[in-house]
């Protein structure tokens, strides 16, 4: 029998308890051991009682979780502390640990993995990225023989729902956000989601695995979706693009590019079809070529599925006396490329005076800063100003920003209203 200590019995923790009960026979057959929740560390006893469990499983302190009776610890309390302390204690006591804690792993992963390796135990974290979508295990094992070129993900269901609704119905961001909150898809304070921080933590984890070099959350460039308007979506669609909040990691010759931001992608890109609250991860390897992993990126049972899968793998390792078999893969020390040095294609929307010579003046400033324009459109005119939409060729970001600074100071330009990157155009563009 394998005894599990559960830290936290909230939404996902409750799902884990339910899954272990409902799929007890399958789990027994597949790991050869009965798995039992021995102790639960949870301050709100009502959550434990709601699952039909009694006081006997409620731990008074972490000391009970660290007892010799517990074989595997599942951490689902979230946040940095006390989760970090509890995980490190469990690892130092020789216990395998499963966690869904993206915040902790994205910022303090090195210490956790080093501790697990030092004590020869497992630390698994599939549920920290993509909910029920298997992506950590494939990157670490199934695709281990590939040189991964890029990982691009839609890694936040809240923002994907908002952008999908805005695209389909033409409603403004604020209105769709309120609807998402009413439906429970967005938190009362949606900052972590809509500003891109949630996705940034997840892509830091995936980049570290894919490129074998530690990337932390603090190193990820982040932009959120709050400045996206129905007008941008409309113009992008006319040009053949859909809007998504993308988490992007690529390996370049001089380091790793890691960023989260809204991006226009071609209509026929695999990620363009990912709508609503669904998540997806697009992976390109040198041998396997293009793959996409798709499914529910959050929710009680999808996330519990990933947690239980990790737990079962640890149980198998315990049975074979082979714990610590898959250690941290971050053996390299690659630099994260500054955003200013990165190159991309851009969509630019600005208001400019509707009179002769204006377009030539704007193009001249762009050219002086080595920004080459691929497409120029003049759209709606109002009160003597026209909406101008530009698509650039690939340019160095610092050059574009310098050009836009100059343009913002010119009398012929009313305002540079939005700048959005393009992604996937070379492979999936028209």
Protein backbone atom coordinates (compact mmCIF):
# COMPACT_ATOMS: atom_id res chain seq x y z
CA UNK A 1 0.00 0.00 0.00
CA UNK A 2 1.17 3.51 -0.88
CA UNK A 3 0.22 6.27 1.56
CA UNK A 4 -0.20 9.80 0.24
CA UNK A 5 -0.03 13.06 2.15
CA UNK A 6 -2.13 15.79 0.54
CA UNK A 7 -1.33 19.45 1.13
CA UNK A 8 -4.47 21.43 0.37
CA UNK A 9 -7.99 20.15 -0.26
CA UNK A 10 -9.38 22.92 -2.43
CA UNK A 11 -10.70 22.53 -5.95
CA UNK A 12 -7.86 20.42 -7.36
CA UNK A 13 -7.16 18.59 -4.10
CA UNK A 14 -10.80 17.53 -3.92
CA UNK A 15 -10.54 16.34 -7.51
CA UNK A 16 -7.53 14.20 -6.63
CA UNK A 17 -9.41 12.57 -3.75
CA UNK A 18 -12.41 11.88 -6.01
CA UNK A 19 -10.27 10.45 -8.79
CA UNK A 20 -8.36 8.13 -6.47
CA UNK A 21 -11.68 6.83 -5.11
CA UNK A 22 -13.54 6.49 -8.41
CA UNK A 23 -10.63 4.96 -10.35
CA UNK A 24 -9.26 2.89 -7.50
CA UNK A 25 -9.37 -0.42 -9.40
CA UNK A 26 -7.68 0.99 -12.51
CA UNK A 27 -4.93 2.62 -10.47
CA UNK A 28 -4.34 -0.59 -8.54
CA UNK A 29 -4.00 -2.58 -11.77
CA UNK A 30 -1.66 -0.06 -13.36
CA UNK A 31 0.75 0.52 -10.49
CA UNK A 32 0.39 -2.76 -8.60
CA UNK A 33 -0.27 -1.03 -5.29
CA UNK A 34 -3.33 0.38 -3.60
CA UNK A 35 -2.99 4.14 -3.17
CA UNK A 36 -4.57 5.70 -0.09
CA UNK A 37 -4.88 9.30 1.07
CA UNK A 38 -3.42 8.86 4.55
CA UNK A 39 -3.29 12.47 5.73
CA UNK A 40 -4.58 15.84 4.49
CA UNK A 41 -3.16 19.15 5.68
CA UNK A 42 -6.08 21.55 5.30
CA UNK A 43 -7.13 24.40 7.61
CA UNK A 44 -10.77 24.32 6.48
CA UNK A 45 -12.01 21.00 7.83
CA UNK A 46 -15.34 21.40 6.04
CA UNK A 47 -13.60 20.74 2.72
CA UNK A 48 -12.43 17.37 4.00
CA UNK A 49 -15.80 16.49 5.50
CA UNK A 50 -17.50 17.36 2.18
CA UNK A 51 -15.59 14.45 0.61
CA UNK A 52 -16.94 11.98 3.14
CA UNK A 53 -13.67 11.85 5.08
CA UNK A 54 -13.31 12.25 8.82
CA UNK A 55 -11.01 13.76 11.40
CA UNK A 56 -8.67 10.78 11.26
CA UNK A 57 -7.22 11.95 7.91
CA UNK A 58 -6.76 15.58 8.92
CA UNK A 59 -3.15 16.39 9.79
CA UNK A 60 -2.58 18.75 12.70
CA UNK A 61 0.71 19.94 11.22
CA UNK A 62 3.29 19.25 8.53
CA UNK A 63 5.04 16.91 10.95
CA UNK A 64 2.33 14.31 10.38
CA UNK A 65 2.86 14.53 6.62
CA UNK A 66 6.58 13.99 7.16
CA UNK A 67 6.03 10.81 9.16
CA UNK A 68 7.49 7.52 7.95
CA UNK A 69 4.03 6.27 6.96
CA UNK A 70 3.74 8.76 4.07
CA UNK A 71 5.36 7.71 0.78
CA UNK A 72 4.30 10.51 -1.61
CA UNK A 73 3.37 14.14 -0.92
CA UNK A 74 1.04 16.09 -3.20
CA UNK A 75 1.33 19.87 -2.82
CA UNK A 76 -1.78 21.79 -3.97
CA UNK A 77 -1.85 24.81 -1.68
CA UNK A 78 -0.27 27.14 -4.26
CA UNK A 79 1.77 30.29 -3.79
CA UNK A 80 5.37 30.54 -2.68
CA UNK A 81 5.13 30.05 1.07
CA UNK A 82 4.54 27.86 2.95
CA UNK A 83 4.48 25.62 -0.15
CA UNK A 84 8.21 25.98 -0.79
CA UNK A 85 9.14 25.10 2.77
CA UNK A 86 6.80 22.12 2.83
CA UNK A 87 8.08 20.74 -0.48
CA UNK A 88 11.72 21.07 0.55
CA UNK A 89 10.97 19.38 3.88
CA UNK A 90 9.24 16.48 2.13
CA UNK A 91 12.11 16.01 -0.33
CA UNK A 92 14.67 16.09 2.48
CA UNK A 93 12.67 13.40 4.26
CA UNK A 94 13.03 11.17 1.18
CA UNK A 95 9.49 11.54 -0.12
CA UNK A 96 8.52 11.93 -3.75
CA UNK A 97 6.56 15.13 -4.38
CA UNK A 98 3.92 16.09 -6.93
CA UNK A 99 3.05 19.76 -7.37
CA UNK A 100 0.85 21.93 -9.58
CA UNK A 101 2.53 25.09 -8.30
CA UNK A 102 3.60 27.11 -11.35
CA UNK A 103 4.37 30.22 -9.28
CA UNK A 104 6.90 28.36 -7.17
CA UNK A 105 8.49 26.30 -9.95
CA UNK A 106 8.86 29.27 -12.32
CA UNK A 107 10.76 31.32 -9.74
CA UNK A 108 12.39 28.78 -7.41
CA UNK A 109 12.64 25.64 -9.50
CA UNK A 110 16.41 25.36 -9.27
CA UNK A 111 16.42 24.99 -5.47
CA UNK A 112 13.63 22.42 -5.57
CA UNK A 113 15.22 20.30 -8.31
CA UNK A 114 18.65 20.46 -6.68
CA UNK A 115 17.14 19.26 -3.39
CA UNK A 116 15.30 16.40 -5.09
CA UNK A 117 18.52 15.31 -6.82
CA UNK A 118 20.53 15.55 -3.63
CA UNK A 119 18.15 13.18 -1.85
CA UNK A 120 17.51 10.87 -4.82
CA UNK A 121 13.74 11.40 -4.92
CA UNK A 122 11.20 12.45 -7.54
CA UNK A 123 9.67 15.88 -8.04
CA UNK A 124 6.98 15.86 -10.75
CA UNK A 125 4.96 18.85 -11.89
CA UNK A 126 2.92 18.04 -15.00
CA UNK A 127 -0.12 19.91 -13.66
CA UNK A 128 1.81 23.19 -13.36
CA UNK A 129 1.43 23.81 -17.10
CA UNK A 130 -1.67 23.21 -19.18
CA UNK A 131 -3.89 21.50 -16.63
CA UNK A 132 -4.78 18.10 -18.05
CA UNK A 133 -2.69 18.52 -21.21
CA UNK A 134 0.40 16.28 -21.13
CA UNK A 135 3.34 18.48 -22.12
CA UNK A 136 6.04 18.28 -19.41
CA UNK A 137 6.42 14.49 -19.71
CA UNK A 138 6.56 14.55 -23.55
CA UNK A 139 9.23 17.27 -23.53
CA UNK A 140 11.31 15.45 -20.91
CA UNK A 141 10.95 11.93 -22.33
CA UNK A 142 9.02 11.33 -25.54
CA UNK A 143 10.80 14.15 -27.40
CA UNK A 144 14.11 13.91 -25.54
CA UNK A 145 16.00 12.91 -28.68
CA UNK A 146 14.90 16.03 -30.54
CA UNK A 147 16.52 19.41 -30.62
CA UNK A 148 13.50 21.55 -29.79
CA UNK A 149 13.34 24.68 -31.90
CA UNK A 150 10.31 26.41 -30.46
CA UNK A 151 7.42 26.05 -28.05
CA UNK A 152 4.42 28.30 -28.57
CA UNK A 153 1.38 28.06 -26.36
CA UNK A 154 -2.05 29.37 -25.61
CA UNK A 155 -1.59 28.78 -21.91
CA UNK A 156 -4.36 30.78 -20.26
CA UNK A 157 -8.01 29.92 -20.70
CA UNK A 158 -9.33 33.23 -19.37
CA UNK A 159 -7.55 35.36 -21.96
CA UNK A 160 -8.31 32.90 -24.73
CA UNK A 161 -12.01 33.04 -23.84
CA UNK A 162 -11.97 36.85 -23.84
CA UNK A 163 -10.16 37.16 -27.18
CA UNK A 164 -12.35 34.48 -28.76
CA UNK A 165 -15.54 36.31 -27.70
CA UNK A 166 -14.17 39.66 -28.83
CA UNK A 167 -13.28 38.15 -32.21
CA UNK A 168 -16.61 36.41 -32.75
CA UNK A 169 -18.95 39.08 -31.41
CA UNK A 170 -17.03 42.34 -31.79
CA UNK A 171 -17.59 43.37 -28.18
CA UNK A 172 -15.01 45.48 -26.31
CA UNK A 173 -12.58 44.01 -23.80
CA UNK A 174 -14.24 45.44 -20.67
CA UNK A 175 -17.64 44.01 -21.57
CA UNK A 176 -16.30 40.54 -22.33
CA UNK A 177 -14.22 40.55 -19.14
CA UNK A 178 -17.34 41.21 -17.06
CA UNK A 179 -19.08 38.32 -18.81
CA UNK A 180 -16.11 36.03 -18.16
CA UNK A 181 -16.17 36.96 -14.48
CA UNK A 182 -19.91 36.29 -14.26
CA UNK A 183 -19.38 32.83 -15.78
CA UNK A 184 -16.50 32.02 -13.45
CA UNK A 185 -13.88 32.01 -16.22
CA UNK A 186 -12.14 35.08 -14.80
CA UNK A 187 -11.25 35.93 -11.21
CA UNK A 188 -12.62 38.99 -9.43
CA UNK A 189 -9.05 40.31 -9.74
CA UNK A 190 -8.06 39.08 -13.23
CA UNK A 191 -4.63 40.74 -13.26
CA UNK A 192 -2.53 37.58 -13.34
CA UNK A 193 -4.45 36.30 -16.34
CA UNK A 194 -5.13 39.38 -18.46
CA UNK A 195 -1.70 40.93 -17.92
CA UNK A 196 -0.03 37.70 -19.04
CA UNK A 197 1.69 36.74 -15.78
CA UNK A 198 0.04 33.31 -15.52
CA UNK A 199 1.15 32.39 -19.04
CA UNK A 200 4.63 33.80 -18.36
CA UNK A 201 5.16 31.43 -15.44
CA UNK A 202 4.12 28.48 -17.57
CA UNK A 203 6.34 29.34 -20.54
CA UNK A 204 9.30 29.84 -18.18
CA UNK A 205 8.82 26.23 -17.07
CA UNK A 206 8.45 24.89 -20.61
CA UNK A 207 11.41 26.89 -21.93
CA UNK A 208 13.61 25.51 -19.15
CA UNK A 209 12.73 21.96 -20.15
CA UNK A 210 12.81 22.46 -23.92
CA UNK A 211 16.17 24.25 -24.04
CA UNK A 212 17.88 22.61 -21.04
CA UNK A 213 18.65 25.93 -19.40
CA UNK A 214 16.95 27.57 -16.43
CA UNK A 215 14.52 30.34 -17.35
CA UNK A 216 12.70 32.09 -14.52
CA UNK A 217 9.44 33.98 -14.54
CA UNK A 218 11.30 37.22 -13.90
CA UNK A 219 13.17 36.84 -17.20
CA UNK A 220 10.07 36.55 -19.38
CA UNK A 221 8.95 39.63 -21.34
CA UNK A 222 5.22 40.12 -20.72
CA UNK A 223 2.39 42.10 -22.32
CA UNK A 224 -1.28 41.56 -21.55
CA UNK A 225 -4.46 41.84 -23.61
CA UNK A 226 -6.03 44.96 -22.10
CA UNK A 227 -5.12 47.20 -25.06
CA UNK A 228 -6.63 44.93 -27.71
CA UNK A 229 -9.70 46.49 -29.34
CA UNK A 230 -12.41 45.21 -31.70
CA UNK A 231 -10.93 47.54 -34.32
CA UNK A 232 -7.55 45.76 -34.18
CA UNK A 233 -9.28 42.41 -34.43
CA UNK A 234 -11.31 43.62 -37.42
CA UNK A 235 -8.30 44.95 -39.31
CA UNK A 236 -6.25 41.86 -38.46
CA UNK A 237 -8.97 39.59 -39.82
CA UNK A 238 -9.06 41.58 -43.06
CA UNK A 239 -5.34 40.95 -43.40
CA UNK A 240 -5.71 37.20 -42.77
CA UNK A 241 -4.89 36.99 -39.05
CA UNK A 242 -6.45 35.89 -35.76
CA UNK A 243 -5.48 37.35 -32.38
CA UNK A 244 -4.21 35.18 -29.50
CA UNK A 245 -2.26 35.71 -26.31
CA UNK A 246 0.80 33.61 -27.06
CA UNK A 247 3.53 32.33 -24.77
CA UNK A 248 6.59 31.91 -26.98
CA UNK A 249 9.96 30.27 -26.39
CA UNK A 250 12.55 29.84 -29.14
CA UNK A 251 16.21 28.99 -29.22
CA UNK A 252 18.31 31.35 -31.32
CA UNK A 253 22.04 31.29 -32.04
CA UNK A 254 22.75 33.82 -29.29
CA UNK A 255 20.38 32.51 -26.63
CA UNK A 256 16.75 31.89 -25.73
CA UNK A 257 13.87 34.13 -26.70
CA UNK A 258 11.02 33.97 -24.15
CA UNK A 259 8.00 36.27 -24.21
CA UNK A 260 4.25 36.50 -23.65
CA UNK A 261 2.13 38.94 -25.60
CA UNK A 262 -0.88 39.25 -27.91
CA UNK A 263 0.00 38.22 -31.45
CA UNK A 264 -1.63 37.97 -34.82
CA UNK A 265 -1.29 34.51 -36.35
CA UNK A 266 -2.41 33.38 -39.83
CA UNK A 267 -5.92 31.92 -40.06
CA UNK A 268 -4.51 28.51 -41.00
CA UNK A 269 -2.05 28.28 -38.10
CA UNK A 270 -2.95 25.30 -35.85
CA UNK A 271 -3.27 27.59 -32.84
CA UNK A 272 -5.80 29.83 -34.60
CA UNK A 273 -8.50 27.17 -34.18
CA UNK A 274 -8.05 26.98 -30.38
CA UNK A 275 -11.05 28.84 -28.99
CA UNK A 276 -12.84 29.50 -25.73
CA UNK A 277 -11.22 28.35 -22.50
CA UNK A 278 -9.13 25.66 -24.20
CA UNK A 279 -5.33 25.64 -24.14
CA UNK A 280 -2.82 24.30 -26.63
CA UNK A 281 0.94 23.94 -26.93
CA UNK A 282 2.62 23.91 -30.34
CA UNK A 283 6.06 22.28 -30.40
CA UNK A 284 8.58 22.13 -33.22
CA UNK A 285 11.46 19.65 -33.06
CA UNK A 286 14.20 18.95 -35.58
CA UNK A 287 13.17 15.30 -36.02
CA UNK A 288 9.47 15.26 -35.15
CA UNK A 289 8.63 18.52 -36.97
CA UNK A 290 5.37 20.11 -35.76
CA UNK A 291 3.19 18.78 -32.92
CA UNK A 292 0.27 20.29 -31.06
CA UNK A 293 -1.07 19.29 -27.63
CA UNK A 294 -4.64 20.48 -27.05
CA UNK A 295 -7.20 20.27 -24.26
CA UNK A 296 -8.54 21.78 -21.08
CA UNK A 297 -5.81 23.82 -19.48
CA UNK A 298 -7.48 24.16 -16.08
CA UNK A 299 -10.38 22.89 -14.02
CA UNK A 300 -10.77 20.47 -11.17
CA UNK A 301 -10.66 17.09 -12.90
CA UNK A 302 -8.32 17.86 -15.83
CA UNK A 303 -5.73 19.18 -13.38
CA UNK A 304 -6.36 16.30 -10.99
CA UNK A 305 -5.73 13.94 -13.90
CA UNK A 306 -2.22 15.34 -14.36
CA UNK A 307 -1.53 15.20 -10.61
CA UNK A 308 -2.65 11.58 -10.31
CA UNK A 309 -0.63 10.61 -13.39
CA UNK A 310 2.52 12.05 -11.80
CA UNK A 311 1.75 10.33 -8.52
CA UNK A 312 1.35 6.98 -10.27
CA UNK A 313 4.72 7.40 -11.98
CA UNK A 314 6.37 8.06 -8.62
CA UNK A 315 4.71 4.95 -7.20
CA UNK A 316 6.13 2.88 -10.08
CA UNK A 317 9.57 4.31 -9.37
CA UNK A 318 9.25 3.43 -5.69
CA UNK A 319 8.26 -0.11 -6.62
CA UNK A 320 11.32 -0.47 -8.85
CA UNK A 321 13.61 1.23 -6.35
CA UNK A 322 14.40 3.71 -9.12
CA UNK A 323 13.46 7.09 -7.68
CA UNK A 324 15.20 10.20 -8.92
CA UNK A 325 15.48 8.63 -12.37
CA UNK A 326 14.42 11.77 -14.28
CA UNK A 327 16.22 14.68 -12.70
CA UNK A 328 16.36 18.33 -13.70
CA UNK A 329 17.29 18.73 -17.37
CA UNK A 330 18.65 22.28 -17.03
CA UNK A 331 22.30 21.47 -17.53
CA UNK A 332 23.01 24.48 -19.80
CA UNK A 333 23.59 28.16 -19.08
CA UNK A 334 22.05 30.01 -22.02
CA UNK A 335 21.29 33.73 -21.97
CA UNK A 336 17.78 35.07 -22.33
CA UNK A 337 17.81 37.51 -25.25
CA UNK A 338 16.68 41.06 -24.32
CA UNK A 339 13.44 42.10 -26.00
CA UNK A 340 15.08 45.13 -27.59
CA UNK A 341 17.43 42.83 -29.54
CA UNK A 342 14.69 40.50 -30.79
CA UNK A 343 13.36 40.60 -34.32
CA UNK A 344 9.73 40.23 -35.38
CA UNK A 345 7.09 41.39 -37.81
CA UNK A 346 4.63 43.94 -36.47
CA UNK A 347 1.12 45.28 -36.99
CA UNK A 348 0.91 49.02 -36.27
CA UNK A 349 -2.27 51.09 -36.10
CA UNK A 350 -2.04 54.86 -35.88
CA UNK A 351 -4.11 57.97 -36.39
CA UNK A 352 -2.58 60.42 -38.86
CA UNK A 353 -3.75 63.56 -40.64
CA UNK A 354 -5.60 62.79 -43.87
CA UNK A 355 -3.68 64.98 -46.29
CA UNK A 356 -1.10 64.59 -49.07
CA UNK A 357 2.46 63.77 -48.08
CA UNK A 358 1.65 62.31 -44.66
CA UNK A 359 2.13 58.71 -45.67
CA UNK A 360 5.43 59.53 -47.35
CA UNK A 361 6.61 61.33 -44.20
CA UNK A 362 5.75 58.36 -41.99
CA UNK A 363 7.41 55.92 -44.37
CA UNK A 364 10.50 58.13 -44.40
CA UNK A 365 10.85 58.00 -40.61
CA UNK A 366 10.40 54.24 -40.71
CA UNK A 367 13.05 53.89 -43.38
CA UNK A 368 15.49 56.07 -41.46
CA UNK A 369 15.25 53.57 -38.60
CA UNK A 370 15.62 50.51 -40.82
CA UNK A 371 11.94 49.58 -40.54
CA UNK A 372 10.72 48.18 -43.84
CA UNK A 373 6.97 48.21 -44.54
CA UNK A 374 5.33 45.21 -46.20
CA UNK A 375 1.70 46.40 -46.18
CA UNK A 376 0.12 49.83 -45.83
CA UNK A 377 -3.63 50.36 -45.54
CA UNK A 378 -5.64 53.54 -45.05
CA UNK A 379 -8.87 52.80 -43.25
CA UNK A 380 -11.68 54.92 -41.77
CA UNK A 381 -11.37 58.73 -41.84
CA UNK A 382 -12.88 60.95 -39.17
CA UNK A 383 -12.42 64.63 -38.31
CA UNK A 384 -9.51 64.97 -40.68
CA UNK A 385 -7.65 61.93 -39.33
CA UNK A 386 -7.32 58.50 -40.94
CA UNK A 387 -6.57 55.13 -39.42
CA UNK A 388 -3.35 53.87 -40.98
CA UNK A 389 -2.46 50.19 -40.63
CA UNK A 390 1.06 48.94 -41.34
CA UNK A 391 2.53 45.46 -41.46
CA UNK A 392 6.32 45.53 -41.27
CA UNK A 393 8.88 43.11 -42.57
CA UNK A 394 10.94 41.49 -39.82
CA UNK A 395 12.64 44.29 -37.89
CA UNK A 396 14.73 44.73 -34.78
CA UNK A 397 12.36 45.77 -32.02
CA UNK A 398 14.55 48.59 -30.73
CA UNK A 399 14.60 50.12 -34.22
CA UNK A 400 10.81 50.05 -34.41
CA UNK A 401 10.42 51.57 -30.95
CA UNK A 402 12.81 54.39 -31.88
CA UNK A 403 10.84 55.10 -35.05
CA UNK A 404 7.54 55.17 -33.17
CA UNK A 405 8.99 57.58 -30.61
CA UNK A 406 9.86 59.99 -33.40
CA UNK A 407 6.45 59.59 -35.05
CA UNK A 408 4.61 60.23 -31.77
CA UNK A 409 6.31 63.62 -31.62
CA UNK A 410 5.30 64.69 -35.14
CA UNK A 411 2.33 66.96 -35.77
CA UNK A 412 1.06 64.80 -38.63
CA UNK A 413 0.53 61.84 -36.27
CA UNK A 414 -2.40 61.94 -33.87
CA UNK A 415 -1.41 58.81 -31.96
CA UNK A 416 0.21 55.41 -32.36
CA UNK A 417 -2.76 53.47 -31.02
CA UNK A 418 -1.50 49.89 -31.00
CA UNK A 419 1.49 47.73 -31.87
CA UNK A 420 1.01 43.96 -32.10
CA UNK A 421 3.53 41.32 -33.13
CA UNK A 422 2.94 38.75 -35.87
CA UNK A 423 3.82 35.10 -35.32
CA UNK A 424 3.97 32.05 -37.60
CA UNK A 425 3.75 34.04 -40.83
CA UNK A 426 6.74 32.35 -42.49
CA UNK A 427 5.28 28.87 -42.15
CA UNK A 428 1.54 29.46 -42.23
CA UNK A 429 1.06 32.83 -43.93
CA UNK A 430 -0.66 33.22 -47.26
